[in-house]
Amino acid sequence: MRNVRWMIVLPVFLLAALGCGLLSNVQNGVQQIQSAATQLPGMLTAAPTMLGPMETAAAQYTPVASGQGLVLQNIKLVLQMTQMFAFTDGTVDGQPAVTAKLNDAGANKFPELKSTFSAEFIGDPASLSQIRITTPRTDAQSTVDEGIGLDNVILSSVMPAEAEPEFLSWLTANFGSVPVDGKLDKTIGNLQFTLERTSTTETLTVTPVK
């Protein structure tokens, strides 16, 4: 549970640093995250390994305002800072797509999800048509906890900071209660979220609202 807690909290600090001064003052942003890490015991062992690539990524990150679409470059930059994902290029449903899988470090953090997790970023890289995150799902609380944590890590790269609390509240309340073959929808700002469950997986799909 401790690893899942810091995975839920860490994206807030990453985005706060990126959006509130990290671009203009990288060192100050890093210091803020380091300070936050000292207050969150679950982050102590993982945070130092994440701070290494942060300065490089921050220099390239361009915040995207609500309503301007899902930009693949920005998403990858944030996720690469966690050092938990490997990316491959391909196609999904005839559209260009990039698929993220857990690397060894990510699998250590999310051992219940390492086998069949995938996050697909589908469509035009400058304005994705869909993000589809699939995680293994059983009735065990461990797959619920890790699913919530990993979904939040992935979507921290696209959520406006003001929408993050509403999204996390909805995800936490509903991820574990979706019945097999069930479906739930939620619109937050310019993004629509859909949770669907099969007997073995749970999928969170994000689609920009036109």
Protein backbone atom coordinates (compact mmCIF):
# COMPACT_ATOMS: atom_id res chain seq x y z
CA MET A 1 0.00 0.00 0.00
CA ARG A 2 2.85 2.42 0.74
CA ASN A 3 4.14 2.27 -2.84
CA VAL A 4 0.63 2.81 -4.19
CA ARG A 5 0.12 5.84 -1.93
CA TRP A 6 3.21 7.61 -3.16
CA MET A 7 2.31 6.78 -6.76
CA ILE A 8 -1.03 8.53 -6.23
CA VAL A 9 0.56 11.58 -4.58
CA LEU A 10 3.72 11.94 -6.68
CA PRO A 11 1.98 13.10 -9.91
CA VAL A 12 0.57 16.10 -8.05
CA PHE A 13 4.09 17.24 -7.18
CA LEU A 14 5.41 16.51 -10.66
CA LEU A 15 2.70 18.55 -12.33
CA ALA A 16 2.90 21.35 -9.79
CA ALA A 17 6.61 21.64 -10.45
CA LEU A 18 6.19 21.52 -14.22
CA GLY A 19 3.35 24.02 -14.32
CA CYS A 20 4.41 26.43 -11.59
CA GLY A 21 7.95 27.52 -12.17
CA LEU A 22 9.95 24.45 -13.17
CA LEU A 23 10.37 25.70 -16.70
CA SER A 24 11.70 29.05 -15.54
CA ASN A 25 13.56 27.74 -12.50
CA VAL A 26 14.39 24.04 -12.70
CA GLN A 27 16.47 23.96 -9.56
CA ASN A 28 13.71 25.49 -7.46
CA GLY A 29 11.22 22.93 -8.77
CA VAL A 30 13.54 20.04 -7.96
CA GLN A 31 14.04 21.40 -4.45
CA GLN A 32 10.27 21.60 -3.97
CA ILE A 33 9.84 17.94 -4.93
CA GLN A 34 12.75 16.89 -2.74
CA SER A 35 11.16 18.76 0.16
CA ALA A 36 7.81 17.09 -0.50
CA ALA A 37 9.52 13.70 -0.59
CA THR A 38 10.82 14.14 2.95
CA GLN A 39 7.21 14.45 4.11
CA LEU A 40 6.06 11.29 2.35
CA PRO A 41 7.92 8.23 3.66
CA GLY A 42 6.72 6.07 0.78
CA MET A 43 8.55 8.31 -1.70
CA LEU A 44 11.94 8.29 0.00
CA THR A 45 13.46 5.35 -1.83
CA ALA A 46 12.01 6.08 -5.27
CA ALA A 47 12.14 9.86 -5.54
CA PRO A 48 15.94 10.20 -5.97
CA THR A 49 15.95 7.95 -9.04
CA MET A 50 13.25 10.07 -10.64
CA LEU A 51 14.92 13.43 -10.11
CA GLY A 52 17.86 12.63 -12.40
CA PRO A 53 16.13 13.13 -15.78
CA MET A 54 13.80 15.85 -14.51
CA GLU A 55 15.86 18.86 -15.55
CA THR A 56 16.20 17.59 -19.13
CA ALA A 57 12.53 16.73 -19.44
CA ALA A 58 11.36 19.97 -17.86
CA ALA A 59 13.29 22.02 -20.39
CA GLN A 60 11.31 20.33 -23.18
CA TYR A 61 7.90 20.26 -21.50
CA THR A 62 5.25 22.60 -22.90
CA PRO A 63 2.11 22.80 -20.74
CA VAL A 64 -1.11 22.27 -22.70
CA ALA A 65 -4.14 24.27 -21.64
CA SER A 66 -7.52 22.62 -21.17
CA GLY A 67 -9.25 22.16 -24.51
CA GLN A 68 -6.06 22.02 -26.60
CA GLY A 69 -5.95 18.26 -26.95
CA LEU A 70 -3.73 15.44 -25.73
CA VAL A 71 -0.15 15.89 -26.91
CA LEU A 72 1.92 12.69 -26.98
CA GLN A 73 5.27 14.45 -26.51
CA ASN A 74 4.13 16.01 -23.24
CA ILE A 75 2.69 12.74 -21.97
CA LYS A 76 5.87 10.79 -22.72
CA LEU A 77 8.09 13.40 -21.08
CA VAL A 78 6.19 13.16 -17.81
CA LEU A 79 6.05 9.36 -17.86
CA GLN A 80 9.74 9.05 -18.74
CA MET A 81 10.56 10.96 -15.56
CA THR A 82 9.16 8.08 -13.52
CA GLN A 83 11.60 5.66 -15.23
CA MET A 84 8.95 2.93 -15.02
CA PHE A 85 7.83 2.54 -18.64
CA ALA A 86 9.05 1.23 -21.99
CA PHE A 87 7.46 2.59 -25.17
CA THR A 88 6.88 0.99 -28.56
CA ASP A 89 5.46 2.46 -31.77
CA GLY A 90 2.74 0.71 -33.75
CA THR A 91 -0.89 0.96 -34.78
CA VAL A 92 -4.21 0.37 -33.01
CA ASP A 93 -7.46 0.07 -34.96
CA GLY A 94 -5.66 1.40 -38.04
CA GLN A 95 -4.38 4.52 -36.27
CA PRO A 96 -0.80 5.34 -35.26
CA ALA A 97 -0.22 4.50 -31.62
CA VAL A 98 2.43 4.36 -28.93
CA THR A 99 2.08 1.63 -26.30
CA ALA A 100 3.60 1.89 -22.82
CA LYS A 101 4.45 -1.22 -20.81
CA LEU A 102 6.01 -1.53 -17.37
CA ASN A 103 9.77 -1.99 -17.38
CA ASP A 104 11.55 -3.87 -14.59
CA ALA A 105 11.42 -0.89 -12.22
CA GLY A 106 7.73 -0.40 -12.92
CA ALA A 107 7.01 -4.08 -12.41
CA ASN A 108 8.68 -3.89 -9.00
CA LYS A 109 6.31 -1.08 -8.02
CA PHE A 110 3.21 -2.74 -9.46
CA PRO A 111 3.83 -6.50 -9.22
CA GLU A 112 0.14 -7.41 -9.58
CA LEU A 113 -0.12 -5.58 -12.91
CA LYS A 114 3.14 -6.38 -14.66
CA SER A 115 1.83 -9.21 -16.83
CA THR A 116 -0.93 -7.62 -18.91
CA PHE A 117 -0.81 -3.87 -18.23
CA SER A 118 -0.71 -1.60 -21.26
CA ALA A 119 -1.37 2.07 -21.95
CA GLU A 120 -2.14 2.88 -25.59
CA PHE A 121 -1.87 6.45 -26.85
CA ILE A 122 -3.84 6.41 -30.08
CA GLY A 123 -4.11 8.84 -33.00
CA ASP A 124 -2.34 11.97 -34.18
CA PRO A 125 0.61 12.58 -31.80
CA ALA A 126 -0.21 16.31 -31.76
CA SER A 127 -3.81 15.63 -30.70
CA LEU A 128 -4.50 12.07 -29.56
CA SER A 129 -7.97 10.67 -30.20
CA GLN A 130 -7.87 8.26 -27.28
CA ILE A 131 -5.86 6.91 -24.36
CA ARG A 132 -6.68 3.34 -23.34
CA ILE A 133 -5.22 1.88 -20.13
CA THR A 134 -5.74 -1.82 -19.46
CA THR A 135 -4.83 -3.45 -16.17
CA PRO A 136 -5.31 -6.99 -14.83
CA ARG A 137 -8.35 -7.16 -12.54
CA THR A 138 -9.47 -9.68 -9.95
CA ASP A 139 -11.54 -9.37 -6.80
CA ALA A 140 -8.34 -9.06 -4.78
CA GLN A 141 -7.90 -5.63 -3.20
CA SER A 142 -4.28 -5.58 -4.37
CA THR A 143 -5.28 -5.36 -8.04
CA VAL A 144 -7.76 -2.59 -7.19
CA ASP A 145 -5.16 -0.57 -5.26
CA GLU A 146 -2.47 -0.97 -7.89
CA GLY A 147 -4.91 -0.29 -10.73
CA ILE A 148 -5.97 3.00 -9.17
CA GLY A 149 -2.36 4.01 -8.52
CA LEU A 150 -1.12 3.16 -12.01
CA ASP A 151 -4.08 4.78 -13.79
CA ASN A 152 -3.41 7.94 -11.83
CA VAL A 153 0.30 7.92 -12.67
CA ILE A 154 -0.48 7.60 -16.38
CA LEU A 155 -3.16 10.28 -16.42
CA SER A 156 -1.24 12.75 -14.28
CA SER A 157 0.47 13.58 -17.57
CA VAL A 158 -2.78 14.83 -19.14
CA MET A 159 -4.95 16.09 -16.28
CA PRO A 160 -5.15 19.83 -15.58
CA ALA A 161 -4.08 20.35 -11.96
CA GLU A 162 -7.49 21.73 -10.97
CA ALA A 163 -9.23 18.59 -12.30
CA GLU A 164 -6.94 16.06 -10.57
CA PRO A 165 -8.84 15.89 -7.24
CA GLU A 166 -12.20 15.29 -8.94
CA PHE A 167 -10.72 12.62 -11.21
CA LEU A 168 -8.94 10.78 -8.41
CA SER A 169 -12.06 10.90 -6.23
CA TRP A 170 -14.17 9.39 -9.02
CA LEU A 171 -11.56 6.76 -9.90
CA THR A 172 -11.06 5.71 -6.27
CA ALA A 173 -14.80 5.48 -5.62
CA ASN A 174 -15.58 3.46 -8.74
CA PHE A 175 -12.59 1.39 -9.83
CA GLY A 176 -13.29 -1.40 -7.34
CA SER A 177 -17.06 -1.42 -7.80
CA VAL A 178 -17.44 -1.84 -11.57
CA PRO A 179 -19.13 -5.24 -12.10
CA VAL A 180 -17.95 -7.75 -14.68
CA ASP A 181 -19.20 -6.56 -18.09
CA GLY A 182 -20.12 -3.24 -16.46
CA LYS A 183 -19.36 0.27 -17.67
CA LEU A 184 -19.16 3.72 -16.04
CA ASP A 185 -18.71 7.14 -17.68
CA LYS A 186 -17.56 10.48 -16.28
CA THR A 187 -16.82 13.80 -17.97
CA ILE A 188 -14.37 16.17 -16.30
CA GLY A 189 -13.57 19.37 -18.17
CA ASN A 190 -12.81 18.47 -21.77
CA LEU A 191 -12.11 14.78 -21.09
CA GLN A 192 -14.49 11.82 -20.95
CA PHE A 193 -13.46 8.83 -18.82
CA THR A 194 -14.93 5.35 -19.27
CA LEU A 195 -14.30 2.42 -16.92
CA GLU A 196 -15.10 -1.06 -18.25
CA ARG A 197 -14.45 -4.45 -16.69
CA THR A 198 -14.21 -7.98 -18.04
CA SER A 199 -13.63 -11.13 -16.01
CA THR A 200 -9.85 -10.61 -16.15
CA THR A 201 -9.14 -6.92 -16.93
CA GLU A 202 -10.31 -3.37 -16.26
CA THR A 203 -9.93 -0.67 -18.89
CA LEU A 204 -9.93 3.10 -18.43
CA THR A 205 -10.46 4.95 -21.71
CA VAL A 206 -9.92 8.70 -22.04
CA THR A 207 -11.42 10.58 -24.97
CA PRO A 208 -11.33 14.34 -25.62
CA VAL A 209 -14.79 15.90 -25.64
CA LYS A 210 -15.42 17.59 -28.98
